[in-house]
C-alpha atoms as a PDB file:
ATOM      1  CA  UNK A   1    -113.949 158.603 110.820  1.00  0.00           C
ATOM      2  CA  UNK A   2    -111.622 161.150 109.741  1.00  0.00           C
ATOM      3  CA  UNK A   3    -109.473 159.573 107.526  1.00  0.00           C
ATOM      4  CA  UNK A   4    -112.456 158.100 105.787  1.00  0.00           C
ATOM      5  CA  UNK A   5    -113.748 161.335 105.057  1.00  0.00           C
ATOM      6  CA  UNK A   6    -110.123 162.451 103.755  1.00  0.00           C
ATOM      7  CA  UNK A   7    -110.050 159.587 101.739  1.00  0.00           C
ATOM      8  CA  UNK A   8    -113.152 160.301 100.362  1.00  0.00           C
ATOM      9  CA  UNK A   9    -112.276 163.472  99.440  1.00  0.00           C
ATOM     10  CA  UNK A  10    -109.108 162.784  97.790  1.00  0.00           C
ATOM     11  CA  UNK A  11    -110.431 160.195  95.894  1.00  0.00           C
ATOM     12  CA  UNK A  12    -113.554 162.564  94.371  1.00  0.00           C
ATOM     13  CA  UNK A  13    -110.562 165.393  93.635  1.00  0.00           C
ATOM     14  CA  UNK A  14    -108.547 162.558  92.082  1.00  0.00           C
ATOM     15  CA  UNK A  15    -112.075 161.517  90.023  1.00  0.00           C
ATOM     16  CA  UNK A  16    -112.699 165.271  89.261  1.00  0.00           C
ATOM     17  CA  UNK A  17    -108.890 165.941  88.400  1.00  0.00           C
ATOM     18  CA  UNK A  18    -109.352 163.014  85.597  1.00  0.00           C
ATOM     19  CA  UNK A  19    -112.875 164.551  84.497  1.00  0.00           C
ATOM     20  CA  UNK A  20    -111.637 168.237  83.661  1.00  0.00           C
ATOM     21  CA  UNK A  21    -108.059 167.538  82.661  1.00  0.00           C
ATOM     22  CA  UNK A  22    -107.162 163.987  81.224  1.00  0.00           C
ATOM     23  CA  UNK A  23    -107.208 163.601  77.434  1.00  0.00           C
ATOM     24  CA  UNK A  24    -110.721 161.564  77.868  1.00  0.00           C
ATOM     25  CA  UNK A  25    -112.374 164.439  79.658  1.00  0.00           C
ATOM     26  CA  UNK A  26    -114.817 167.222  78.937  1.00  0.00           C
ATOM     27  CA  UNK A  27    -112.284 168.698  76.578  1.00  0.00           C
ATOM     28  CA  UNK A  28    -112.378 165.280  74.118  1.00  0.00           C
ATOM     29  CA  UNK A  29    -115.925 165.604  74.412  1.00  0.00           C
ATOM     30  CA  UNK A  30    -116.040 169.264  73.879  1.00  0.00           C
ATOM     31  CA  UNK A  31    -113.749 168.355  70.230  1.00  0.00           C
ATOM     32  CA  UNK A  32    -116.159 165.588  69.461  1.00  0.00           C
ATOM     33  CA  UNK A  33    -119.144 167.712  69.503  1.00  0.00           C
ATOM     34  CA  UNK A  34    -117.571 170.357  67.492  1.00  0.00           C
ATOM     35  CA  UNK A  35    -116.940 167.363  64.898  1.00  0.00           C
ATOM     36  CA  UNK A  36    -120.142 165.995  65.040  1.00  0.00           C
ATOM     37  CA  UNK A  37    -121.514 169.423  63.982  1.00  0.00           C
ATOM     38  CA  UNK A  38    -119.247 170.104  61.454  1.00  0.00           C
ATOM     39  CA  UNK A  39    -120.184 166.454  60.084  1.00  0.00           C
ATOM     40  CA  UNK A  40    -123.749 167.232  60.350  1.00  0.00           C
ATOM     41  CA  UNK A  41    -123.384 170.713  58.385  1.00  0.00           C
ATOM     42  CA  UNK A  42    -121.426 169.109  55.710  1.00  0.00           C
ATOM     43  CA  UNK A  43    -124.124 165.727  55.213  1.00  0.00           C
ATOM     44  CA  UNK A  44    -126.563 168.700  54.910  1.00  0.00           C
ATOM     45  CA  UNK A  45    -124.683 169.904  51.947  1.00  0.00           C
ATOM     46  CA  UNK A  46    -124.565 166.687  50.187  1.00  0.00           C
ATOM     47  CA  UNK A  47    -128.024 165.649  51.101  1.00  0.00           C
ATOM     48  CA  UNK A  48    -128.827 169.043  49.222  1.00  0.00           C
ATOM     49  CA  UNK A  49    -126.922 168.311  46.572  1.00  0.00           C
ATOM     50  CA  UNK A  50    -127.690 164.652  46.171  1.00  0.00           C
ATOM     51  CA  UNK A  51    -131.345 165.826  45.699  1.00  0.00           C
ATOM     52  CA  UNK A  52    -130.947 168.528  43.385  1.00  0.00           C
ATOM     53  CA  UNK A  53    -128.969 165.529  41.273  1.00  0.00           C
ATOM     54  CA  UNK A  54    -132.098 163.191  41.838  1.00  0.00           C
ATOM     55  CA  UNK A  55    -134.339 165.701  40.313  1.00  0.00           C
ATOM     56  CA  UNK A  56    -131.974 166.839  37.471  1.00  0.00           C
ATOM     57  CA  UNK A  57    -131.963 162.532  36.729  1.00  0.00           C
ATOM     58  CA  UNK A  58    -135.395 162.308  36.866  1.00  0.00           C
ATOM     59  CA  UNK A  59    -135.838 165.555  34.446  1.00  0.00           C
ATOM     60  CA  UNK A  60    -133.678 163.642  31.981  1.00  0.00           C
ATOM     61  CA  UNK A  61    -135.315 160.584  31.788  1.00  0.00           C
ATOM     62  CA  UNK A  62    -138.759 161.558  32.053  1.00  0.00           C
ATOM     63  CA  UNK A  63    -138.849 165.011  30.100  1.00  0.00           C
ATOM     64  CA  UNK A  64    -137.796 165.982  26.889  1.00  0.00           C
ATOM     65  CA  UNK A  65    -137.479 169.863  28.605  1.00  0.00           C
ATOM     66  CA  UNK A  66    -134.549 168.849  30.533  1.00  0.00           C
ATOM     67  CA  UNK A  67    -132.136 166.815  27.692  1.00  0.00           C
ATOM     68  CA  UNK A  68    -133.291 169.897  25.105  1.00  0.00           C
ATOM     69  CA  UNK A  69    -131.685 172.133  27.518  1.00  0.00           C
ATOM     70  CA  UNK A  70    -128.591 170.237  28.207  1.00  0.00           C
ATOM     71  CA  UNK A  71    -128.349 169.896  24.393  1.00  0.00           C
ATOM     72  CA  UNK A  72    -128.219 173.374  24.413  1.00  0.00           C
ATOM     73  CA  UNK A  73    -125.854 174.523  27.026  1.00  0.00           C
ATOM     74  CA  UNK A  74    -123.534 172.148  26.779  1.00  0.00           C
ATOM     75  CA  UNK A  75    -123.390 170.457  22.894  1.00  0.00           C
ATOM     76  CA  UNK A  76    -124.367 174.097  21.881  1.00  0.00           C
ATOM     77  CA  UNK A  77    -126.852 172.265  19.417  1.00  0.00           C
ATOM     78  CA  UNK A  78    -130.081 174.053  18.090  1.00  0.00           C
ATOM     79  CA  UNK A  79    -133.253 172.869  17.037  1.00  0.00           C
ATOM     80  CA  UNK A  80    -134.935 172.494  13.563  1.00  0.00           C
ATOM     81  CA  UNK A  81    -136.263 175.572  12.142  1.00  0.00           C
ATOM     82  CA  UNK A  82    -134.143 177.734  14.343  1.00  0.00           C
ATOM     83  CA  UNK A  83    -131.417 180.545  13.484  1.00  0.00           C
ATOM     84  CA  UNK A  84    -128.213 180.862  15.572  1.00  0.00           C
ATOM     85  CA  UNK A  85    -127.025 184.278  15.784  1.00  0.00           C
ATOM     86  CA  UNK A  86    -123.204 184.545  17.091  1.00  0.00           C
ATOM     87  CA  UNK A  87    -122.458 188.203  18.602  1.00  0.00           C
ATOM     88  CA  UNK A  88    -118.871 188.951  18.309  1.00  0.00           C
ATOM     89  CA  UNK A  89    -117.644 191.860  20.119  1.00  0.00           C
ATOM     90  CA  UNK A  90    -116.143 194.712  18.407  1.00  0.00           C
ATOM     91  CA  UNK A  91    -112.182 194.421  18.286  1.00  0.00           C
ATOM     92  CA  UNK A  92    -110.643 197.107  20.587  1.00  0.00           C
ATOM     93  CA  UNK A  93    -108.515 199.757  18.835  1.00  0.00           C
ATOM     94  CA  UNK A  94    -104.736 199.296  19.801  1.00  0.00           C
ATOM     95  CA  UNK A  95    -102.573 202.308  19.868  1.00  0.00           C
ATOM     96  CA  UNK A  96     -99.877 201.908  17.260  1.00  0.00           C
ATOM     97  CA  UNK A  97     -96.365 201.184  18.791  1.00  0.00           C
ATOM     98  CA  UNK A  98     -93.394 202.582  16.799  1.00  0.00           C
ATOM     99  CA  UNK A  99     -90.095 200.927  17.044  1.00  0.00           C
ATOM    100  CA  UNK A 100     -87.631 202.338  19.353  1.00  0.00           C
ATOM    101  CA  UNK A 101     -84.062 201.946  18.510  1.00  0.00           C
ATOM    102  CA  UNK A 102     -81.832 200.048  20.434  1.00  0.00           C
ATOM    103  CA  UNK A 103     -78.218 201.413  20.853  1.00  0.00           C
ATOM    104  CA  UNK A 104     -76.793 198.527  18.724  1.00  0.00           C
ATOM    105  CA  UNK A 105     -78.924 199.773  15.616  1.00  0.00           C
ATOM    106  CA  UNK A 106     -77.490 203.305  15.814  1.00  0.00           C
END
């Protein structure tokens, strides 16, 4: 009976060792859980981007407002009876530099 108990104890220890310390054990499960969480986060971001793109496509297909906005921002177009004003910043005054003489020019 003692031998059977000892053999079962050794078997349990070996199985526990394999679960906790082998490559296919608990560490691998933890790494896989982290990878799944990271992939889910990335998928959520991509789904949100896809929803935004789908809404933009829907707006471009149905409404003229989105098309007009895109033409204004991307192509710089203006509508009829509109006046385009372009504001150009005033040039900044740069200090006048006096040429310095080199040793060869003296």
